[in-house]
Amino acid sequence: MSVNIDSCCFIFVIAVLIKKASLDVTVVGFTGRSVILPCSSAEHGLKLQDISVLWRDKDDVKIYDLIEGKASVEKQGPRYKNRAETFPEEYERGNCSIKLINLTRKDEGDFSYFIIHSSYSKQGTVRLFIN
């Protein structure tokens, strides 16, 4: 099944509107260092071209998108340019985590992700504290 960008954005907007009250995980990072914001799918063996993952920060700014298996930093928030990395070799195993590089105090807060697949979807939140 092919998932187009408009469908992904619409689904993400709906997911944000009905956001869960509880957090999935909390992580601690340190100023100037890197941190991994975890995101995983219970489904394994997914075909890369069938996976889309959307990452947004506490202000709904785009951090990183994976659309049908392809990285998309188009319209990425300027503060995340060259600071967000993913692990493409891990996608098919269900690992859709991102790594934020060179953390600042402004990074503290909630990060949301939404995984989209033809047979599976998941939304979650990661809270980042900065020491």
N, C-alpha and C. Protein backbone atom coordinates (compact mmCIF):
# COMPACT_ATOMS: atom_id res chain seq x y z
N MET A 1 0.85 -1.19 0.00
CA MET A 1 0.00 0.00 0.00
C MET A 1 0.88 1.24 0.00
N SER A 2 0.54 2.20 -0.79
CA SER A 2 1.29 3.44 -0.86
C SER A 2 0.63 4.48 0.04
N VAL A 3 1.43 5.17 0.84
CA VAL A 3 0.93 6.21 1.74
C VAL A 3 1.46 7.53 1.23
N ASN A 4 0.56 8.46 0.88
CA ASN A 4 1.06 9.74 0.38
C ASN A 4 1.26 10.72 1.53
N ILE A 5 2.01 11.78 1.26
CA ILE A 5 2.38 12.74 2.29
C ILE A 5 1.14 13.42 2.88
N ASP A 6 0.15 13.77 2.05
CA ASP A 6 -1.05 14.42 2.56
C ASP A 6 -1.76 13.53 3.57
N SER A 7 -1.86 12.24 3.27
CA SER A 7 -2.49 11.30 4.21
C SER A 7 -1.72 11.24 5.50
N CYS A 8 -0.37 11.20 5.40
CA CYS A 8 0.47 11.14 6.60
C CYS A 8 0.25 12.38 7.46
N CYS A 9 0.23 13.55 6.83
CA CYS A 9 0.06 14.80 7.58
C CYS A 9 -1.31 14.85 8.23
N PHE A 10 -2.35 14.43 7.49
CA PHE A 10 -3.70 14.43 8.04
C PHE A 10 -3.79 13.50 9.25
N ILE A 11 -3.23 12.30 9.10
CA ILE A 11 -3.26 11.34 10.21
C ILE A 11 -2.50 11.88 11.40
N PHE A 12 -1.36 12.52 11.16
CA PHE A 12 -0.57 13.08 12.26
C PHE A 12 -1.34 14.18 12.98
N VAL A 13 -2.01 15.06 12.23
CA VAL A 13 -2.79 16.14 12.83
C VAL A 13 -3.89 15.55 13.73
N ILE A 14 -4.58 14.54 13.23
CA ILE A 14 -5.62 13.89 14.04
C ILE A 14 -5.01 13.28 15.29
N ALA A 15 -3.86 12.61 15.13
CA ALA A 15 -3.20 11.98 16.27
C ALA A 15 -2.81 13.02 17.32
N VAL A 16 -2.34 14.19 16.88
CA VAL A 16 -1.97 15.24 17.82
C VAL A 16 -3.20 15.75 18.57
N LEU A 17 -4.31 15.85 17.87
CA LEU A 17 -5.53 16.34 18.50
C LEU A 17 -6.06 15.38 19.57
N ILE A 18 -5.81 14.08 19.39
CA ILE A 18 -6.29 13.11 20.38
C ILE A 18 -5.12 12.51 21.17
N LYS A 19 -4.10 13.32 21.36
CA LYS A 19 -2.88 12.89 22.02
C LYS A 19 -3.15 12.24 23.37
N LYS A 20 -2.40 11.20 23.65
CA LYS A 20 -2.53 10.51 24.93
C LYS A 20 -2.17 11.43 26.08
N ALA A 21 -2.79 11.20 27.23
CA ALA A 21 -2.50 11.99 28.41
C ALA A 21 -1.21 11.54 29.08
N SER A 22 -0.84 10.29 28.91
CA SER A 22 0.37 9.79 29.57
C SER A 22 1.52 9.68 28.57
N LEU A 23 2.73 9.70 29.12
CA LEU A 23 3.92 9.61 28.29
C LEU A 23 4.35 8.16 28.14
N ASP A 24 4.96 7.86 27.01
CA ASP A 24 5.48 6.53 26.78
C ASP A 24 6.81 6.33 27.49
N VAL A 25 7.68 7.34 27.45
CA VAL A 25 9.02 7.21 28.03
C VAL A 25 9.59 8.59 28.35
N THR A 26 10.50 8.61 29.31
CA THR A 26 11.21 9.83 29.67
C THR A 26 12.70 9.56 29.54
N VAL A 27 13.42 10.50 28.93
CA VAL A 27 14.87 10.37 28.80
C VAL A 27 15.54 11.64 29.32
N VAL A 28 16.80 11.50 29.72
CA VAL A 28 17.58 12.63 30.22
C VAL A 28 18.76 12.85 29.30
N GLY A 29 18.96 14.09 28.91
CA GLY A 29 20.10 14.46 28.07
C GLY A 29 20.92 15.53 28.76
N PHE A 30 22.08 15.81 28.21
CA PHE A 30 22.98 16.79 28.79
C PHE A 30 23.35 17.84 27.75
N THR A 31 23.38 19.09 28.16
CA THR A 31 23.72 20.19 27.27
C THR A 31 25.01 19.89 26.52
N GLY A 32 24.97 20.08 25.19
CA GLY A 32 26.14 19.88 24.36
C GLY A 32 26.36 18.43 23.93
N ARG A 33 25.62 17.51 24.48
CA ARG A 33 25.77 16.08 24.15
C ARG A 33 24.63 15.64 23.23
N SER A 34 24.57 14.35 22.98
CA SER A 34 23.52 13.77 22.13
C SER A 34 22.63 12.87 22.97
N VAL A 35 21.42 12.62 22.46
CA VAL A 35 20.49 11.72 23.13
C VAL A 35 19.66 11.00 22.08
N ILE A 36 19.27 9.79 22.38
CA ILE A 36 18.40 9.03 21.49
C ILE A 36 16.98 9.10 22.04
N LEU A 37 16.05 9.52 21.19
CA LEU A 37 14.64 9.53 21.54
C LEU A 37 14.05 8.23 20.98
N PRO A 38 13.69 7.31 21.87
CA PRO A 38 13.28 5.98 21.41
C PRO A 38 11.89 5.95 20.77
N CYS A 39 11.78 5.12 19.75
CA CYS A 39 10.53 4.90 19.04
C CYS A 39 10.63 3.53 18.40
N SER A 40 9.72 2.65 18.75
CA SER A 40 9.78 1.33 18.15
C SER A 40 8.39 0.82 17.82
N SER A 41 8.38 -0.05 16.84
CA SER A 41 7.16 -0.68 16.40
C SER A 41 7.16 -2.12 16.88
N ALA A 42 6.01 -2.62 17.29
CA ALA A 42 5.89 -4.01 17.70
C ALA A 42 5.95 -4.92 16.48
N GLU A 43 5.72 -4.34 15.31
CA GLU A 43 5.76 -5.11 14.06
C GLU A 43 7.20 -5.17 13.57
N HIS A 44 7.65 -6.36 13.22
CA HIS A 44 9.00 -6.54 12.68
C HIS A 44 8.89 -7.10 11.27
N GLY A 45 9.95 -6.96 10.50
CA GLY A 45 9.95 -7.46 9.13
C GLY A 45 9.16 -6.58 8.18
N LEU A 46 8.91 -5.34 8.58
CA LEU A 46 8.18 -4.42 7.72
C LEU A 46 9.08 -4.02 6.55
N LYS A 47 8.49 -3.86 5.39
CA LYS A 47 9.24 -3.41 4.23
C LYS A 47 9.49 -1.91 4.37
N LEU A 48 10.72 -1.52 4.15
CA LEU A 48 11.12 -0.14 4.33
C LEU A 48 10.24 0.83 3.55
N GLN A 49 9.90 0.51 2.32
CA GLN A 49 9.10 1.41 1.49
C GLN A 49 7.66 1.54 1.98
N ASP A 50 7.25 0.70 2.92
CA ASP A 50 5.88 0.76 3.46
C ASP A 50 5.79 1.49 4.80
N ILE A 51 6.91 1.99 5.30
CA ILE A 51 6.94 2.63 6.62
C ILE A 51 7.03 4.14 6.48
N SER A 52 6.22 4.85 7.26
CA SER A 52 6.34 6.30 7.39
C SER A 52 6.35 6.62 8.87
N VAL A 53 7.26 7.51 9.27
CA VAL A 53 7.37 7.92 10.67
C VAL A 53 7.50 9.44 10.70
N LEU A 54 6.69 10.09 11.52
CA LEU A 54 6.71 11.54 11.64
C LEU A 54 7.14 11.90 13.07
N TRP A 55 8.12 12.79 13.20
CA TRP A 55 8.59 13.27 14.51
C TRP A 55 8.31 14.78 14.62
N ARG A 56 7.73 15.21 15.74
CA ARG A 56 7.45 16.63 16.00
C ARG A 56 7.88 16.97 17.43
N ASP A 57 8.22 18.24 17.64
CA ASP A 57 8.59 18.66 19.00
C ASP A 57 7.38 19.21 19.73
N LYS A 58 7.61 19.74 20.92
CA LYS A 58 6.53 20.23 21.79
C LYS A 58 5.72 21.36 21.16
N ASP A 59 6.32 22.06 20.19
CA ASP A 59 5.64 23.15 19.50
C ASP A 59 5.12 22.73 18.13
N ASP A 60 5.07 21.41 17.89
CA ASP A 60 4.61 20.83 16.63
C ASP A 60 5.52 21.20 15.45
N VAL A 61 6.79 21.47 15.74
CA VAL A 61 7.77 21.77 14.70
C VAL A 61 8.32 20.44 14.17
N LYS A 62 8.44 20.35 12.86
CA LYS A 62 8.94 19.13 12.23
C LYS A 62 10.42 18.93 12.57
N ILE A 63 10.72 17.73 13.09
CA ILE A 63 12.10 17.37 13.39
C ILE A 63 12.65 16.49 12.28
N TYR A 64 11.87 15.46 11.94
CA TYR A 64 12.34 14.49 10.95
C TYR A 64 11.16 13.65 10.50
N ASP A 65 11.08 13.39 9.22
CA ASP A 65 10.05 12.49 8.69
C ASP A 65 10.72 11.41 7.86
N LEU A 66 10.15 10.25 7.94
CA LEU A 66 10.51 9.13 7.09
C LEU A 66 9.23 8.81 6.33
N ILE A 67 9.22 9.10 5.03
CA ILE A 67 8.02 8.90 4.22
C ILE A 67 8.27 7.76 3.24
N GLU A 68 7.50 6.70 3.40
CA GLU A 68 7.64 5.51 2.57
C GLU A 68 9.10 5.06 2.48
N GLY A 69 9.76 5.06 3.64
CA GLY A 69 11.14 4.58 3.73
C GLY A 69 12.20 5.57 3.33
N LYS A 70 11.82 6.80 2.95
CA LYS A 70 12.79 7.79 2.52
C LYS A 70 12.81 8.97 3.48
N ALA A 71 14.01 9.38 3.88
CA ALA A 71 14.16 10.51 4.80
C ALA A 71 13.65 11.79 4.16
N SER A 72 12.97 12.59 4.95
CA SER A 72 12.47 13.87 4.48
C SER A 72 12.74 14.93 5.54
N VAL A 73 13.62 15.86 5.21
CA VAL A 73 13.88 16.97 6.11
C VAL A 73 13.37 18.28 5.49
N GLU A 74 12.56 18.11 4.44
CA GLU A 74 11.92 19.26 3.82
C GLU A 74 11.02 19.92 4.86
N LYS A 75 11.08 21.21 4.96
CA LYS A 75 10.30 21.98 5.93
C LYS A 75 10.64 21.61 7.39
N GLN A 76 11.83 21.07 7.59
CA GLN A 76 12.31 20.77 8.94
C GLN A 76 12.52 22.07 9.69
N GLY A 77 12.19 22.07 10.97
CA GLY A 77 12.43 23.26 11.79
C GLY A 77 13.90 23.63 11.75
N PRO A 78 14.23 24.92 11.57
CA PRO A 78 15.63 25.33 11.42
C PRO A 78 16.51 24.94 12.61
N ARG A 79 15.95 24.89 13.80
CA ARG A 79 16.78 24.52 14.96
C ARG A 79 17.19 23.06 14.97
N TYR A 80 16.58 22.25 14.09
CA TYR A 80 16.93 20.82 14.02
C TYR A 80 17.80 20.48 12.82
N LYS A 81 18.07 21.48 11.99
CA LYS A 81 18.89 21.23 10.80
C LYS A 81 20.27 20.71 11.23
N ASN A 82 20.66 19.58 10.65
CA ASN A 82 21.94 18.92 10.94
C ASN A 82 22.07 18.48 12.40
N ARG A 83 20.95 18.36 13.11
CA ARG A 83 20.98 17.92 14.51
C ARG A 83 20.17 16.66 14.75
N ALA A 84 19.45 16.18 13.75
CA ALA A 84 18.62 14.98 13.92
C ALA A 84 19.10 13.89 12.97
N GLU A 85 19.30 12.69 13.54
CA GLU A 85 19.73 11.54 12.75
C GLU A 85 18.81 10.37 13.06
N THR A 86 18.71 9.47 12.10
CA THR A 86 17.95 8.23 12.33
C THR A 86 18.86 7.04 12.07
N PHE A 87 18.30 5.88 12.18
CA PHE A 87 19.06 4.64 12.02
C PHE A 87 18.40 3.79 10.93
N PRO A 88 18.61 4.13 9.65
CA PRO A 88 17.91 3.45 8.55
C PRO A 88 18.07 1.93 8.56
N GLU A 89 19.23 1.45 8.99
CA GLU A 89 19.45 0.00 9.02
C GLU A 89 18.57 -0.70 10.06
N GLU A 90 17.94 0.07 10.93
CA GLU A 90 17.10 -0.49 11.99
C GLU A 90 15.60 -0.44 11.68
N TYR A 91 15.19 0.30 10.66
CA TYR A 91 13.76 0.49 10.37
C TYR A 91 13.02 -0.83 10.21
N GLU A 92 13.59 -1.73 9.44
CA GLU A 92 12.89 -2.99 9.17
C GLU A 92 12.74 -3.86 10.41
N ARG A 93 13.54 -3.56 11.44
CA ARG A 93 13.41 -4.27 12.72
C ARG A 93 12.45 -3.54 13.66
N GLY A 94 11.86 -2.45 13.17
CA GLY A 94 10.89 -1.72 13.98
C GLY A 94 11.46 -0.60 14.81
N ASN A 95 12.76 -0.31 14.67
CA ASN A 95 13.39 0.77 15.44
C ASN A 95 13.36 2.05 14.62
N CYS A 96 12.53 3.01 15.05
CA CYS A 96 12.38 4.28 14.34
C CYS A 96 12.83 5.45 15.22
N SER A 97 13.77 5.18 16.12
CA SER A 97 14.29 6.19 17.04
C SER A 97 15.04 7.28 16.27
N ILE A 98 15.19 8.44 16.91
CA ILE A 98 16.04 9.49 16.35
C ILE A 98 17.08 9.89 17.38
N LYS A 99 18.16 10.44 16.88
CA LYS A 99 19.23 10.93 17.74
C LYS A 99 19.29 12.44 17.57
N LEU A 100 19.20 13.17 18.68
CA LEU A 100 19.37 14.63 18.66
C LEU A 100 20.78 14.94 19.11
N ILE A 101 21.45 15.78 18.32
CA ILE A 101 22.85 16.11 18.55
C ILE A 101 22.97 17.53 19.11
N ASN A 102 24.00 17.76 19.92
CA ASN A 102 24.31 19.08 20.46
C ASN A 102 23.10 19.70 21.17
N LEU A 103 22.66 19.03 22.20
CA LEU A 103 21.47 19.46 22.95
C LEU A 103 21.65 20.83 23.60
N THR A 104 20.54 21.56 23.66
CA THR A 104 20.49 22.84 24.37
C THR A 104 19.32 22.78 25.35
N ARG A 105 19.27 23.70 26.26
CA ARG A 105 18.15 23.77 27.22
C ARG A 105 16.80 23.89 26.51
N LYS A 106 16.79 24.55 25.34
CA LYS A 106 15.55 24.73 24.58
C LYS A 106 14.97 23.42 24.07
N ASP A 107 15.79 22.37 24.03
CA ASP A 107 15.31 21.07 23.55
C ASP A 107 14.42 20.36 24.57
N GLU A 108 14.48 20.77 25.81
CA GLU A 108 13.70 20.09 26.84
C GLU A 108 12.20 20.17 26.53
N GLY A 109 11.52 19.04 26.73
CA GLY A 109 10.08 19.01 26.51
C GLY A 109 9.64 17.70 25.88
N ASP A 110 8.42 17.71 25.37
CA ASP A 110 7.83 16.52 24.78
C ASP A 110 8.07 16.45 23.28
N PHE A 111 8.33 15.25 22.81
CA PHE A 111 8.50 14.95 21.39
C PHE A 111 7.50 13.87 21.02
N SER A 112 6.79 14.07 19.92
CA SER A 112 5.78 13.11 19.49
C SER A 112 6.22 12.42 18.21
N TYR A 113 5.83 11.16 18.10
CA TYR A 113 6.08 10.42 16.87
C TYR A 113 4.82 9.68 16.46
N PHE A 114 4.72 9.42 15.17
CA PHE A 114 3.60 8.64 14.66
C PHE A 114 4.14 7.70 13.60
N ILE A 115 3.93 6.41 13.80
CA ILE A 115 4.36 5.39 12.84
C ILE A 115 3.15 5.00 12.01
N ILE A 116 3.34 4.98 10.69
CA ILE A 116 2.26 4.64 9.77
C ILE A 116 2.71 3.49 8.88
N HIS A 117 1.90 2.46 8.82
CA HIS A 117 2.15 1.31 7.95
C HIS A 117 0.78 0.83 7.47
N SER A 118 0.73 0.11 6.39
CA SER A 118 -0.56 -0.33 5.85
C SER A 118 -1.35 -1.18 6.83
N SER A 119 -0.66 -1.92 7.69
CA SER A 119 -1.37 -2.81 8.62
C SER A 119 -1.17 -2.42 10.09
N TYR A 120 -0.56 -1.26 10.34
CA TYR A 120 -0.17 -0.92 11.70
C TYR A 120 0.02 0.58 11.84
N SER A 121 -0.36 1.13 12.96
CA SER A 121 -0.02 2.52 13.26
C SER A 121 0.16 2.66 14.77
N LYS A 122 0.98 3.61 15.14
CA LYS A 122 1.27 3.84 16.55
C LYS A 122 1.66 5.29 16.75
N GLN A 123 1.19 5.87 17.84
CA GLN A 123 1.57 7.22 18.21
C GLN A 123 2.16 7.17 19.60
N GLY A 124 3.18 7.96 19.85
CA GLY A 124 3.80 7.97 21.17
C GLY A 124 4.44 9.31 21.47
N THR A 125 4.84 9.46 22.72
CA THR A 125 5.46 10.68 23.19
C THR A 125 6.70 10.34 24.01
N VAL A 126 7.75 11.14 23.81
CA VAL A 126 8.98 11.01 24.59
C VAL A 126 9.20 12.35 25.27
N ARG A 127 9.39 12.33 26.59
CA ARG A 127 9.70 13.56 27.33
C ARG A 127 11.20 13.61 27.54
N LEU A 128 11.79 14.74 27.16
CA LEU A 128 13.23 14.94 27.31
C LEU A 128 13.50 15.98 28.38
N PHE A 129 14.32 15.59 29.37
CA PHE A 129 14.81 16.51 30.38
C PHE A 129 16.28 16.80 30.08
N ILE A 130 16.70 18.04 30.26
CA ILE A 130 18.08 18.43 30.02
C ILE A 130 18.75 18.78 31.34
N ASN A 131 19.89 18.16 31.62
CA ASN A 131 20.70 18.48 32.82
C ASN A 131 21.82 19.40 32.44
